C-alpha atoms as a PDB file:
ATOM      1  CA  MET A   1      -0.033  -0.124  -0.228  1.00  0.00           C
ATOM      2  CA  PRO A   2       1.368   2.967  -1.068  1.00  0.00           C
ATOM      3  CA  PRO A   3       2.218   6.312   1.193  1.00  0.00           C
ATOM      4  CA  THR A   4       0.231   8.863   0.880  1.00  0.00           C
ATOM      5  CA  ARG A   5       1.898  12.319  -0.340  1.00  0.00           C
ATOM      6  CA  SER A   6       2.021  15.056   1.596  1.00  0.00           C
ATOM      7  CA  ALA A   7       3.402  18.318   1.591  1.00  0.00           C
ATOM      8  CA  LYS A   8       6.838  17.306   2.746  1.00  0.00           C
ATOM      9  CA  ALA A   9       6.976  14.906  -0.605  1.00  0.00           C
ATOM     10  CA  ALA A  10       5.628  17.934  -2.399  1.00  0.00           C
ATOM     11  CA  ASP A  11       8.449  20.165  -0.756  1.00  0.00           C
ATOM     12  CA  LEU A  12      10.936  17.178  -2.693  1.00  0.00           C
ATOM     13  CA  ASP A  13       9.176  16.882  -5.955  1.00  0.00           C
ATOM     14  CA  LEU A  14       9.834  21.008  -5.887  1.00  0.00           C
ATOM     15  CA  THR A  15      13.339  20.476  -5.254  1.00  0.00           C
ATOM     16  CA  ALA A  16      14.257  18.100  -7.957  1.00  0.00           C
ATOM     17  CA  ALA A  17      12.813  20.208  -9.982  1.00  0.00           C
ATOM     18  CA  LYS A  18      15.310  22.955 -10.053  1.00  0.00           C
ATOM     19  CA  GLY A  19      17.570  20.923 -11.750  1.00  0.00           C
ATOM     20  CA  ASP A  20      20.200  18.376 -11.858  1.00  0.00           C
ATOM     21  CA  ALA A  21      22.031  17.724  -8.379  1.00  0.00           C
ATOM     22  CA  GLU A  22      25.425  17.639  -9.975  1.00  0.00           C
ATOM     23  CA  GLU A  23      25.211  20.882 -12.012  1.00  0.00           C
ATOM     24  CA  LEU A  24      24.055  23.247  -9.078  1.00  0.00           C
ATOM     25  CA  SER A  25      26.376  25.924  -8.387  1.00  0.00           C
ATOM     26  CA  LEU A  26      27.990  26.512  -4.741  1.00  0.00           C
ATOM     27  CA  ALA A  27      25.157  29.284  -4.303  1.00  0.00           C
ATOM     28  CA  ASP A  28      21.850  27.478  -5.145  1.00  0.00           C
ATOM     29  CA  LEU A  29      23.525  24.642  -2.459  1.00  0.00           C
ATOM     30  CA  GLN A  30      24.328  26.917   0.070  1.00  0.00           C
ATOM     31  CA  ALA A  31      20.791  28.353  -0.065  1.00  0.00           C
ATOM     32  CA  GLU A  32      19.514  24.818   0.781  1.00  0.00           C
ATOM     33  CA  ALA A  33      22.295  23.005   2.769  1.00  0.00           C
ATOM     34  CA  ASP A  34      19.966  23.379   5.808  1.00  0.00           C
ATOM     35  CA  ALA A  35      17.281  21.966   4.464  1.00  0.00           C
ATOM     36  CA  ILE A  36      19.144  19.214   2.525  1.00  0.00           C
ATOM     37  CA  ARG A  37      20.892  18.809   5.743  1.00  0.00           C
ATOM     38  CA  LYS A  38      17.659  18.357   7.866  1.00  0.00           C
ATOM     39  CA  ARG A  39      15.979  15.855   5.447  1.00  0.00           C
ATOM     40  CA  LEU A  40      18.790  13.761   6.051  1.00  0.00           C
ATOM     41  CA  ASN A  41      18.353  13.341   9.314  1.00  0.00           C
ATOM     42  CA  ARG A  42      14.613  12.773   9.508  1.00  0.00           C
ATOM     43  CA  PHE A  43      15.427   9.879   6.812  1.00  0.00           C
ATOM     44  CA  ARG A  44      18.165   8.195   8.845  1.00  0.00           C
ATOM     45  CA  GLU A  45      16.042   8.842  12.457  1.00  0.00           C
ATOM     46  CA  SER A  46      12.881   7.434  10.720  1.00  0.00           C
ATOM     47  CA  LEU A  47      14.545   4.447   8.998  1.00  0.00           C
ATOM     48  CA  GLY A  48      16.296   3.651  12.280  1.00  0.00           C
ATOM     49  CA  ARG A  49      12.583   2.881  13.213  1.00  0.00           C
ATOM     50  CA  PHE A  50      12.151  -0.256  11.661  1.00  0.00           C
ATOM     51  CA  PHE A  51      15.440  -2.092  12.671  1.00  0.00           C
ATOM     52  CA  VAL A  52      15.896  -3.373  16.110  1.00  0.00           C
ATOM     53  CA  ASN A  53      19.610  -1.815  17.432  1.00  0.00           C
ATOM     54  CA  LYS A  54      20.994  -0.892  14.064  1.00  0.00           C
ATOM     55  CA  GLN A  55      20.700   2.879  13.887  1.00  0.00           C
ATOM     56  CA  GLU A  56      24.499   2.888  14.350  1.00  0.00           C
ATOM     57  CA  ILE A  57      24.695   1.011  10.996  1.00  0.00           C
ATOM     58  CA  ILE A  58      21.941   3.238   9.443  1.00  0.00           C
ATOM     59  CA  ASP A  59      23.896   6.338  10.345  1.00  0.00           C
ATOM     60  CA  LEU A  60      27.353   5.038   8.438  1.00  0.00           C
ATOM     61  CA  MET A  61      25.320   4.071   5.574  1.00  0.00           C
ATOM     62  CA  CYS A  62      24.148   7.717   5.362  1.00  0.00           C
ATOM     63  CA  VAL A  63      27.642   9.537   6.080  1.00  0.00           C
ATOM     64  CA  ALA A  64      28.990   6.888   3.283  1.00  0.00           C
ATOM     65  CA  ALA A  65      26.001   7.820   0.778  1.00  0.00           C
ATOM     66  CA  ALA A  66      26.639  11.623   1.253  1.00  0.00           C
ATOM     67  CA  ALA A  67      30.421  11.106   0.842  1.00  0.00           C
ATOM     68  CA  GLN A  68      30.144   8.875  -2.107  1.00  0.00           C
ATOM     69  CA  GLU A  69      32.099   6.423  -0.201  1.00  0.00           C
ATOM     70  CA  PRO A  70      31.502   2.326  -0.414  1.00  0.00           C
ATOM     71  CA  LEU A  71      30.648   0.940   2.853  1.00  0.00           C
ATOM     72  CA  LEU A  72      30.797  -2.874   3.665  1.00  0.00           C
ATOM     73  CA  LEU A  73      28.290  -4.792   5.760  1.00  0.00           C
ATOM     74  CA  VAL A  74      29.693  -7.950   7.906  1.00  0.00           C
ATOM     75  CA  GLY A  75      27.901 -10.537   9.679  1.00  0.00           C
ATOM     76  CA  PRO A  76      26.287 -13.482   9.839  1.00  0.00           C
ATOM     77  CA  PRO A  77      23.504 -14.316   7.997  1.00  0.00           C
ATOM     78  CA  GLY A  78      20.096 -12.838   8.937  1.00  0.00           C
ATOM     79  CA  THR A  79      21.082  -9.739  10.509  1.00  0.00           C
ATOM     80  CA  ALA A  80      19.802  -7.410   8.411  1.00  0.00           C
ATOM     81  CA  LYS A  81      22.707  -6.782   5.947  1.00  0.00           C
ATOM     82  CA  SER A  82      20.608  -7.135   3.179  1.00  0.00           C
ATOM     83  CA  ASP A  83      17.551  -5.530   4.284  1.00  0.00           C
ATOM     84  CA  LEU A  84      18.989  -2.473   5.660  1.00  0.00           C
ATOM     85  CA  VAL A  85      20.205  -1.761   1.941  1.00  0.00           C
ATOM     86  CA  LEU A  86      16.609  -2.626   0.352  1.00  0.00           C
ATOM     87  CA  LYS A  87      14.754  -0.292   2.700  1.00  0.00           C
ATOM     88  CA  PHE A  88      17.207   2.612   2.603  1.00  0.00           C
ATOM     89  CA  LYS A  89      16.954   1.785  -1.520  1.00  0.00           C
ATOM     90  CA  ASP A  90      13.231   2.328  -0.803  1.00  0.00           C
ATOM     91  CA  ALA A  91      13.080   4.690   1.379  1.00  0.00           C
ATOM     92  CA  LEU A  92      14.628   7.384  -1.448  1.00  0.00           C
ATOM     93  CA  GLY A  93      12.232   6.078  -4.195  1.00  0.00           C
ATOM     94  CA  ILE A  94      14.899   4.961  -6.015  1.00  0.00           C
ATOM     95  CA  ALA A  95      13.952   4.033  -9.222  1.00  0.00           C
ATOM     96  CA  GLU A  96      14.788   0.385 -10.285  1.00  0.00           C
ATOM     97  CA  GLY A  97      16.835   1.283 -13.172  1.00  0.00           C
ATOM     98  CA  ASP A  98      19.157   3.191 -10.931  1.00  0.00           C
ATOM     99  CA  TYR A  99      19.235   0.199  -8.655  1.00  0.00           C
ATOM    100  CA  PHE A 100      21.405  -2.749  -9.321  1.00  0.00           C
ATOM    101  CA  GLU A 101      21.909  -5.529  -6.371  1.00  0.00           C
ATOM    102  CA  TYR A 102      23.481  -8.882  -7.046  1.00  0.00           C
ATOM    103  CA  MET A 103      24.769 -11.972  -4.867  1.00  0.00           C
ATOM    104  CA  LEU A 104      28.408 -13.169  -6.241  1.00  0.00           C
ATOM    105  CA  THR A 105      30.163 -16.653  -5.471  1.00  0.00           C
ATOM    106  CA  ARG A 106      33.371 -17.688  -7.714  1.00  0.00           C
ATOM    107  CA  PHE A 107      31.218 -18.987 -10.673  1.00  0.00           C
ATOM    108  CA  THR A 108      29.994 -15.216 -11.575  1.00  0.00           C
ATOM    109  CA  GLU A 109      30.593 -14.501 -14.758  1.00  0.00           C
ATOM    110  CA  PRO A 110      31.258 -10.897 -15.620  1.00  0.00           C
ATOM    111  CA  SER A 111      27.970 -10.872 -17.926  1.00  0.00           C
ATOM    112  CA  GLU A 112      25.967 -11.077 -14.871  1.00  0.00           C
ATOM    113  CA  ILE A 113      27.653  -7.726 -13.466  1.00  0.00           C
ATOM    114  CA  ILE A 114      28.075  -5.571 -16.793  1.00  0.00           C
ATOM    115  CA  GLY A 115      25.789  -7.229 -19.137  1.00  0.00           C
ATOM    116  CA  ALA A 116      26.225  -9.547 -21.950  1.00  0.00           C
ATOM    117  CA  ILE A 117      27.769  -9.265 -25.649  1.00  0.00           C
ATOM    118  CA  ASP A 118      25.643  -7.894 -27.912  1.00  0.00           C
ATOM    119  CA  ILE A 119      25.589 -10.513 -30.589  1.00  0.00           C
ATOM    120  CA  LYS A 120      24.347  -8.195 -33.454  1.00  0.00           C
ATOM    121  CA  GLU A 121      27.529  -5.960 -32.680  1.00  0.00           C
ATOM    122  CA  LEU A 122      30.001  -8.726 -32.495  1.00  0.00           C
ATOM    123  CA  ARG A 123      28.502  -9.884 -36.091  1.00  0.00           C
ATOM    124  CA  ASP A 124      29.806  -6.106 -37.097  1.00  0.00           C
ATOM    125  CA  GLY A 125      33.038  -6.929 -35.303  1.00  0.00           C
ATOM    126  CA  ARG A 126      32.586  -4.835 -32.287  1.00  0.00           C
ATOM    127  CA  TYR A 127      32.712  -6.103 -28.594  1.00  0.00           C
ATOM    128  CA  ILE A 128      30.203  -3.979 -27.082  1.00  0.00           C
ATOM    129  CA  ARG A 129      28.041  -5.356 -23.603  1.00  0.00           C
ATOM    130  CA  LYS A 130      24.187  -4.644 -23.258  1.00  0.00           C
ATOM    131  CA  LYS A 131      24.952  -2.789 -20.169  1.00  0.00           C
ATOM    132  CA  GLU A 132      21.117  -1.891 -19.749  1.00  0.00           C
ATOM    133  CA  GLY A 133      19.658  -2.751 -16.256  1.00  0.00           C
ATOM    134  CA  LYS A 134      23.420  -3.646 -14.927  1.00  0.00           C
ATOM    135  CA  LEU A 135      25.649  -2.809 -12.592  1.00  0.00           C
ATOM    136  CA  PRO A 136      27.125   0.377 -15.153  1.00  0.00           C
ATOM    137  CA  THR A 137      23.718   2.216 -15.780  1.00  0.00           C
ATOM    138  CA  ALA A 138      23.202   1.955 -11.793  1.00  0.00           C
ATOM    139  CA  LYS A 139      23.538   4.838  -9.291  1.00  0.00           C
ATOM    140  CA  LEU A 140      23.078   2.486  -5.824  1.00  0.00           C
ATOM    141  CA  VAL A 141      24.692  -0.433  -6.011  1.00  0.00           C
ATOM    142  CA  PHE A 142      24.498  -3.238  -3.563  1.00  0.00           C
ATOM    143  CA  LEU A 143      26.674  -6.806  -4.259  1.00  0.00           C
ATOM    144  CA  ASP A 144      26.182  -9.236  -1.474  1.00  0.00           C
ATOM    145  CA  GLU A 145      28.912 -11.959  -0.604  1.00  0.00           C
ATOM    146  CA  ILE A 146      31.510  -9.621  -2.345  1.00  0.00           C
ATOM    147  CA  PHE A 147      34.359 -11.496  -1.624  1.00  0.00           C
ATOM    148  CA  LYS A 148      33.413 -14.586  -3.173  1.00  0.00           C
ATOM    149  CA  SER A 149      33.550 -13.189  -6.271  1.00  0.00           C
ATOM    150  CA  ASN A 150      36.402 -14.386  -9.180  1.00  0.00           C
ATOM    151  CA  SER A 151      39.425 -12.420 -10.355  1.00  0.00           C
ATOM    152  CA  ALA A 152      37.585 -10.794 -13.221  1.00  0.00           C
ATOM    153  CA  ILE A 153      35.165  -9.667 -11.332  1.00  0.00           C
ATOM    154  CA  LEU A 154      37.375  -8.394  -8.933  1.00  0.00           C
ATOM    155  CA  ASN A 155      39.237  -6.171 -11.560  1.00  0.00           C
ATOM    156  CA  ILE A 156      36.144  -4.807 -12.899  1.00  0.00           C
ATOM    157  CA  LEU A 157      34.855  -4.116  -9.349  1.00  0.00           C
ATOM    158  CA  LEU A 158      38.149  -2.115  -8.889  1.00  0.00           C
ATOM    159  CA  THR A 159      37.956   0.093 -11.815  1.00  0.00           C
ATOM    160  CA  ILE A 160      34.171   1.180 -11.495  1.00  0.00           C
ATOM    161  CA  ILE A 161      34.964   1.893  -8.035  1.00  0.00           C
ATOM    162  CA  ASN A 162      38.128   3.566  -8.318  1.00  0.00           C
ATOM    163  CA  GLU A 163      37.978   5.459 -11.535  1.00  0.00           C
ATOM    164  CA  LYS A 164      33.809   5.495 -11.979  1.00  0.00           C
ATOM    165  CA  LYS A 165      34.677   3.652 -15.464  1.00  0.00           C
ATOM    166  CA  PHE A 166      34.040   0.241 -17.494  1.00  0.00           C
ATOM    167  CA  TYR A 167      35.030  -0.737 -20.556  1.00  0.00           C
ATOM    168  CA  GLN A 168      33.701  -1.029 -23.919  1.00  0.00           C
ATOM    169  CA  GLU A 169      36.002  -1.868 -26.766  1.00  0.00           C
ATOM    170  CA  GLY A 170      39.111  -0.846 -25.017  1.00  0.00           C
ATOM    171  CA  LYS A 171      37.393   2.504 -24.329  1.00  0.00           C
ATOM    172  CA  PRO A 172      36.391   3.978 -20.806  1.00  0.00           C
ATOM    173  CA  GLU A 173      32.880   5.051 -20.442  1.00  0.00           C
ATOM    174  CA  PRO A 174      31.835   7.280 -17.644  1.00  0.00           C
ATOM    175  CA  VAL A 175      29.390   5.408 -15.056  1.00  0.00           C
ATOM    176  CA  PRO A 176      26.660   6.984 -12.712  1.00  0.00           C
ATOM    177  CA  LEU A 177      27.639   4.849  -9.922  1.00  0.00           C
ATOM    178  CA  ARG A 178      26.826   7.436  -6.473  1.00  0.00           C
ATOM    179  CA  VAL A 179      26.505   4.494  -3.812  1.00  0.00           C
ATOM    180  CA  MET A 180      27.481   1.310  -3.087  1.00  0.00           C
ATOM    181  CA  PHE A 181      26.898  -0.818  -0.558  1.00  0.00           C
ATOM    182  CA  ALA A 182      28.273  -4.377  -0.066  1.00  0.00           C
ATOM    183  CA  ALA A 183      28.117  -7.462   2.212  1.00  0.00           C
ATOM    184  CA  THR A 184      29.739 -10.449   3.570  1.00  0.00           C
ATOM    185  CA  ASN A 185      29.473 -12.902   6.102  1.00  0.00           C
ATOM    186  CA  GLU A 186      33.196 -13.428   6.226  1.00  0.00           C
ATOM    187  CA  ILE A 187      36.486 -11.232   5.541  1.00  0.00           C
ATOM    188  CA  PRO A 188      38.967 -13.378   4.040  1.00  0.00           C
ATOM    189  CA  GLU A 189      42.563 -13.300   4.656  1.00  0.00           C
ATOM    190  CA  GLN A 190      43.550 -13.602   0.980  1.00  0.00           C
ATOM    191  CA  GLY A 191      46.405 -11.260  -0.116  1.00  0.00           C
ATOM    192  CA  GLU A 192      44.457 -10.804  -3.678  1.00  0.00           C
ATOM    193  CA  LEU A 193      41.374  -9.145  -1.719  1.00  0.00           C
ATOM    194  CA  ALA A 194      43.460  -6.579  -0.154  1.00  0.00           C
ATOM    195  CA  ALA A 195      43.028  -3.809  -2.885  1.00  0.00           C
ATOM    196  CA  LEU A 196      39.202  -4.202  -2.633  1.00  0.00           C
ATOM    197  CA  LYS A 197      39.165  -4.578   1.016  1.00  0.00           C
ATOM    198  CA  ASP A 198      40.910  -1.139   1.205  1.00  0.00           C
ATOM    199  CA  ARG A 199      38.675   0.613  -1.191  1.00  0.00           C
ATOM    200  CA  PHE A 200      35.959  -0.025   1.479  1.00  0.00           C
ATOM    201  CA  VAL A 201      37.073   2.331   4.490  1.00  0.00           C
ATOM    202  CA  LEU A 202      34.264   1.574   6.531  1.00  0.00           C
ATOM    203  CA  LYS A 203      33.510  -1.920   7.469  1.00  0.00           C
ATOM    204  CA  VAL A 204      30.721  -2.421  10.219  1.00  0.00           C
ATOM    205  CA  LEU A 205      29.630  -5.099  12.357  1.00  0.00           C
ATOM    206  CA  SER A 206      25.913  -5.988  11.709  1.00  0.00           C
ATOM    207  CA  ARG A 207      25.122  -8.426  14.836  1.00  0.00           C
ATOM    208  CA  PRO A 208      22.946 -10.634  16.067  1.00  0.00           C
ATOM    209  CA  VAL A 209      20.325  -8.659  18.519  1.00  0.00           C
ATOM    210  CA  GLN A 210      18.428 -11.902  20.309  1.00  0.00           C
ATOM    211  CA  ASP A 211      20.637 -11.397  23.179  1.00  0.00           C
ATOM    212  CA  ASP A 212      19.735  -7.846  24.181  1.00  0.00           C
ATOM    213  CA  TYR A 213      16.404  -7.339  22.516  1.00  0.00           C
ATOM    214  CA  PHE A 214      14.914 -10.921  22.386  1.00  0.00           C
ATOM    215  CA  THR A 215      11.012  -9.057  22.556  1.00  0.00           C
ATOM    216  CA  GLU A 216      11.784  -6.398  20.517  1.00  0.00           C
ATOM    217  CA  LEU A 217      13.122  -8.452  17.705  1.00  0.00           C
ATOM    218  CA  ILE A 218       9.919 -11.153  17.341  1.00  0.00           C
ATOM    219  CA  ASP A 219       7.650  -7.782  17.866  1.00  0.00           C
ATOM    220  CA  ALA A 220       9.248  -6.236  14.689  1.00  0.00           C
ATOM    221  CA  GLY A 221       9.961  -9.316  12.867  1.00  0.00           C
ATOM    222  CA  LEU A 222       6.777 -10.378  12.591  1.00  0.00           C
ATOM    223  CA  GLN A 223       5.270  -6.748  12.028  1.00  0.00           C
ATOM    224  CA  GLY A 224       8.020  -7.173   9.123  1.00  0.00           C
ATOM    225  CA  GLU A 225       6.229 -10.777   7.877  1.00  0.00           C
ATOM    226  CA  ALA A 226       2.657  -9.187   8.089  1.00  0.00           C
ATOM    227  CA  ASN A 227       4.365  -5.832   5.652  1.00  0.00           C
ATOM    228  CA  LYS A 228       5.778  -8.521   3.127  1.00  0.00           C
ATOM    229  CA  GLY A 229       2.664 -10.207   2.907  1.00  0.00           C
ATOM    230  CA  LEU A 230       0.575  -7.515   2.691  1.00  0.00           C
ATOM    231  CA  ASN A 231       2.981  -5.432   0.569  1.00  0.00           C
ATOM    232  CA  GLN A 232       3.048  -2.423   2.257  1.00  0.00           C
ATOM    233  CA  LYS A 233       6.586  -0.461   2.618  1.00  0.00           C
ATOM    234  CA  PRO A 234       5.755   2.281   5.847  1.00  0.00           C
ATOM    235  CA  TRP A 235       9.405   3.060   5.627  1.00  0.00           C
ATOM    236  CA  VAL A 236       8.571   4.844   2.664  1.00  0.00           C
ATOM    237  CA  GLU A 237       7.997   8.488   4.049  1.00  0.00           C
ATOM    238  CA  GLY A 238       9.360  10.807   1.616  1.00  0.00           C
ATOM    239  CA  HIS A 239      11.696  12.376   3.919  1.00  0.00           C
ATOM    240  CA  ALA A 240      14.489  12.539   1.652  1.00  0.00           C
ATOM    241  CA  THR A 241      15.956  11.208  -2.212  1.00  0.00           C
ATOM    242  CA  LEU A 242      18.919   9.913  -3.509  1.00  0.00           C
ATOM    243  CA  ASP A 243      19.183  13.112  -5.155  1.00  0.00           C
ATOM    244  CA  ASP A 244      19.686  14.962  -1.563  1.00  0.00           C
ATOM    245  CA  PHE A 245      22.594  12.572  -1.198  1.00  0.00           C
ATOM    246  CA  LEU A 246      24.117  13.687  -4.307  1.00  0.00           C
ATOM    247  CA  LYS A 247      23.459  17.546  -3.469  1.00  0.00           C
ATOM    248  CA  ALA A 248      24.781  16.847   0.031  1.00  0.00           C
ATOM    249  CA  ASN A 249      28.024  15.624  -1.482  1.00  0.00           C
ATOM    250  CA  ARG A 250      28.248  18.497  -4.334  1.00  0.00           C
ATOM    251  CA  TYR A 251      27.858  21.047  -1.539  1.00  0.00           C
ATOM    252  CA  LEU A 252      30.759  19.579   0.700  1.00  0.00           C
ATOM    253  CA  THR A 253      32.852  19.082  -2.653  1.00  0.00           C
ATOM    254  CA  TYR A 254      32.784  22.757  -3.034  1.00  0.00           C
ATOM    255  CA  LEU A 255      33.849  23.279   0.658  1.00  0.00           C
ATOM    256  CA  PHE A 256      36.542  21.356   0.106  1.00  0.00           C
ATOM    257  CA  ALA A 257      38.422  22.862  -2.910  1.00  0.00           C
ATOM    258  CA  ARG A 258      36.985  26.141  -1.414  1.00  0.00           C
ATOM    259  CA  ARG A 259      39.592  28.653  -0.087  1.00  0.00           C
ATOM    260  CA  THR A 260      38.975  31.652   1.556  1.00  0.00           C
ATOM    261  CA  GLY A 261      40.345  34.955   3.228  1.00  0.00           C
ATOM    262  CA  ASP A 262      41.329  35.852   6.483  1.00  0.00           C
ATOM    263  CA  GLY A 263      40.490  39.287   6.391  1.00  0.00           C
ATOM    264  CA  ARG A 264      44.176  39.797   6.548  1.00  0.00           C
ATOM    265  CA  GLY A 265      45.497  38.570   2.993  1.00  0.00           C
ATOM    266  CA  GLU A 266      46.071  34.711   3.579  1.00  0.00           C
ATOM    267  CA  GLU A 267      43.828  32.109   2.630  1.00  0.00           C
ATOM    268  CA  GLN A 268      42.231  28.806   4.707  1.00  0.00           C
ATOM    269  CA  ASN A 269      41.318  26.012   3.266  1.00  0.00           C
ATOM    270  CA  ASP A 270      38.833  23.905   4.594  1.00  0.00           C
ATOM    271  CA  ARG A 271      40.650  21.676   7.019  1.00  0.00           C
ATOM    272  CA  GLN A 272      41.725  25.164   8.738  1.00  0.00           C
ATOM    273  CA  LEU A 273      38.053  26.276   8.600  1.00  0.00           C
ATOM    274  CA  PHE A 274      36.353  23.043  10.026  1.00  0.00           C
ATOM    275  CA  PHE A 275      39.127  20.934  11.477  1.00  0.00           C
ATOM    276  CA  PRO A 276      40.197  22.589  15.021  1.00  0.00           C
ATOM    277  CA  PRO A 277      43.823  22.037  15.711  1.00  0.00           C
ATOM    278  CA  GLU A 278      43.515  20.099  18.874  1.00  0.00           C
ATOM    279  CA  VAL A 279      41.176  17.789  17.179  1.00  0.00           C
ATOM    280  CA  PHE A 280      43.292  17.240  14.028  1.00  0.00           C
ATOM    281  CA  ARG A 281      46.596  16.418  16.355  1.00  0.00           C
ATOM    282  CA  GLU A 282      43.791  14.492  18.188  1.00  0.00           C
ATOM    283  CA  TYR A 283      43.351  12.299  14.821  1.00  0.00           C
ATOM    284  CA  GLN A 284      47.449  12.422  14.030  1.00  0.00           C
ATOM    285  CA  ARG A 285      47.565  11.233  17.448  1.00  0.00           C
ATOM    286  CA  LEU A 286      45.135   8.319  17.411  1.00  0.00           C
ATOM    287  CA  VAL A 287      46.351   7.328  13.757  1.00  0.00           C
ATOM    288  CA  LYS A 288      49.855   7.015  14.662  1.00  0.00           C
ATOM    289  CA  THR A 289      48.578   5.269  18.259  1.00  0.00           C
ATOM    290  CA  LEU A 290      46.548   2.319  15.859  1.00  0.00           C
ATOM    291  CA  VAL A 291      49.545   2.171  13.454  1.00  0.00           C
ATOM    292  CA  ARG A 292      52.442   1.381  15.958  1.00  0.00           C
ATOM    293  CA  GLU A 293      50.657  -0.355  18.648  1.00  0.00           C
ATOM    294  CA  ASP A 294      47.404  -2.002  17.268  1.00  0.00           C
ATOM    295  CA  LYS A 295      49.021  -2.504  14.464  1.00  0.00           C
ATOM    296  CA  ILE A 296      46.311  -1.379  11.806  1.00  0.00           C
ATOM    297  CA  PHE A 297      47.242  -0.783   8.322  1.00  0.00           C
ATOM    298  CA  ILE A 298      45.685   2.713   7.434  1.00  0.00           C
ATOM    299  CA  SER A 299      46.875   3.888   3.808  1.00  0.00           C
ATOM    300  CA  ASP A 300      47.850   7.195   2.944  1.00  0.00           C
ATOM    301  CA  ARG A 301      44.553   6.874   0.709  1.00  0.00           C
ATOM    302  CA  LYS A 302      42.578   6.464   3.784  1.00  0.00           C
ATOM    303  CA  LEU A 303      43.839   9.352   5.750  1.00  0.00           C
ATOM    304  CA  VAL A 304      42.348  11.354   2.913  1.00  0.00           C
ATOM    305  CA  LYS A 305      39.195   9.486   2.184  1.00  0.00           C
ATOM    306  CA  LEU A 306      38.812   9.776   6.558  1.00  0.00           C
ATOM    307  CA  TYR A 307      39.450  13.449   6.457  1.00  0.00           C
ATOM    308  CA  LYS A 308      36.415  13.361   4.283  1.00  0.00           C
ATOM    309  CA  LEU A 309      33.884  11.267   6.277  1.00  0.00           C
ATOM    310  CA  PHE A 310      34.824  13.270   9.240  1.00  0.00           C
ATOM    311  CA  ARG A 311      33.743  16.137   7.512  1.00  0.00           C
ATOM    312  CA  VAL A 312      30.661  14.693   6.232  1.00  0.00           C
ATOM    313  CA  ARG A 313      29.497  13.178   9.754  1.00  0.00           C
ATOM    314  CA  ALA A 314      30.624  16.725  11.085  1.00  0.00           C
ATOM    315  CA  TRP A 315      28.279  18.504   8.432  1.00  0.00           C
ATOM    316  CA  LEU A 316      25.481  15.907   8.774  1.00  0.00           C
ATOM    317  CA  PHE A 317      24.893  15.712  12.859  1.00  0.00           C
ATOM    318  CA  SER A 318      26.034  19.052  13.826  1.00  0.00           C
ATOM    319  CA  GLY A 319      26.550  21.303  10.929  1.00  0.00           C
ATOM    320  CA  GLY A 320      30.158  21.228  10.384  1.00  0.00           C
ATOM    321  CA  THR A 321      32.874  21.450  12.457  1.00  0.00           C
ATOM    322  CA  VAL A 322      35.154  18.181  13.194  1.00  0.00           C
ATOM    323  CA  SER A 323      34.635  17.488  16.893  1.00  0.00           C
ATOM    324  CA  LYS A 324      36.541  14.611  18.870  1.00  0.00           C
ATOM    325  CA  ASP A 325      32.965  12.479  18.380  1.00  0.00           C
ATOM    326  CA  ASP A 326      33.731  12.410  14.801  1.00  0.00           C
ATOM    327  CA  LEU A 327      36.599  10.692  15.657  1.00  0.00           C
ATOM    328  CA  ARG A 328      34.765   7.578  16.578  1.00  0.00           C
ATOM    329  CA  LEU A 329      34.383   6.443  12.649  1.00  0.00           C
ATOM    330  CA  LEU A 330      38.007   5.196  13.502  1.00  0.00           C
ATOM    331  CA  ALA A 331      36.400   2.123  15.153  1.00  0.00           C
ATOM    332  CA  TYR A 332      35.150   0.817  11.569  1.00  0.00           C
ATOM    333  CA  LEU A 333      38.589   0.603  10.137  1.00  0.00           C
ATOM    334  CA  GLY A 334      39.110  -3.110  10.933  1.00  0.00           C
ATOM    335  CA  GLU A 335      39.944  -5.320   7.752  1.00  0.00           C
ATOM    336  CA  SER A 336      39.410  -8.397   9.638  1.00  0.00           C
ATOM    337  CA  HIS A 337      36.714  -9.838  12.257  1.00  0.00           C
ATOM    338  CA  GLN A 338      39.391  -9.672  15.320  1.00  0.00           C
ATOM    339  CA  GLU A 339      40.361  -6.025  13.699  1.00  0.00           C
ATOM    340  CA  ILE A 340      36.829  -5.126  13.879  1.00  0.00           C
ATOM    341  CA  GLU A 341      36.486  -6.286  17.367  1.00  0.00           C
ATOM    342  CA  HIS A 342      39.277  -5.028  18.505  1.00  0.00           C
ATOM    343  CA  LEU A 343      38.983  -1.351  17.094  1.00  0.00           C
ATOM    344  CA  ARG A 344      35.599  -1.551  18.650  1.00  0.00           C
ATOM    345  CA  THR A 345      36.928  -0.820  22.304  1.00  0.00           C
ATOM    346  CA  LYS A 346      40.387   0.391  21.403  1.00  0.00           C
ATOM    347  CA  VAL A 347      39.333   3.585  19.303  1.00  0.00           C
ATOM    348  CA  PRO A 348      36.548   4.668  22.571  1.00  0.00           C
ATOM    349  CA  GLU A 349      39.334   4.089  24.941  1.00  0.00           C
ATOM    350  CA  TYR A 350      41.423   5.980  23.074  1.00  0.00           C
ATOM    351  CA  LEU A 351      38.953   9.071  22.528  1.00  0.00           C
ATOM    352  CA  GLY A 352      38.437   8.837  27.060  1.00  0.00           C
ATOM    353  CA  ASP A 353      34.764   7.477  26.303  1.00  0.00           C
ATOM    354  CA  ALA A 354      35.293   4.072  28.014  1.00  0.00           C
END
């Protein structure tokens, strides 16, 4: 049963009518930034009502989506990993043509992900794939059991994630991918997967909740079964759209690139404006501690990506300036189950929260 339209939904239509999010100017986005932030916060808080103890993951999904950085959900079967992504997609009202999901196995062929070879084109000597409805045409992608893919798929994914491109006849074509979520039951140790794992700066564990939330789990699960049987989607409330996340990303990207004068002829960059020196020093101290004492690998690329994620989280949750609280994202850097569990405890300790 589709949700009834509201004044809020009408406002979203009006906003969408103003133009493509990725063509708007800084001035356009500044005028709308506070309203976008409020919509995204309503979205994440509302979506959390339809899960038991998953707000932490939903918050990370929203930060990752606004930063346009991939997020990996880790956990055993039956812990709502796929359900989180599907409800996230539904709640944003994403059209089916803009969404692609697939469960990968070691037998998955490239044609299943990027499209089959066009036989008609092949007869004419052209090696063209029918990409419609596949990953190269999607804006939001969900890949389940991502680490079970074979080397051919891994190479394709790395190119798409890194460069936002895929190749037709040896020529790169841009892809519209903006948000990627992936899931895995286990994080394998194989060395050939290191490059792909490093692309997922944030990895979060989706844990079973039955020990602490048994009654709530039963009640929510039963309601979920009823919604499924009656084809109802009450989480589709029209609070925000994918366009809002794209606008948030473009707005913050403008800020990252901007240099402003301080009135004395000196320019200040984003770090100087939004990352207080004492918090920046704490970031440096934590990174050194994690690398030297806890043996956590943090690549140079991750340090830059983390800065972006801190700023997105700070903007989304509190309006802009990075605080010590935003540094808790360091708890999601683990490359294995052991590191994930270790950082979940150690980062709050290092931040003085424990």
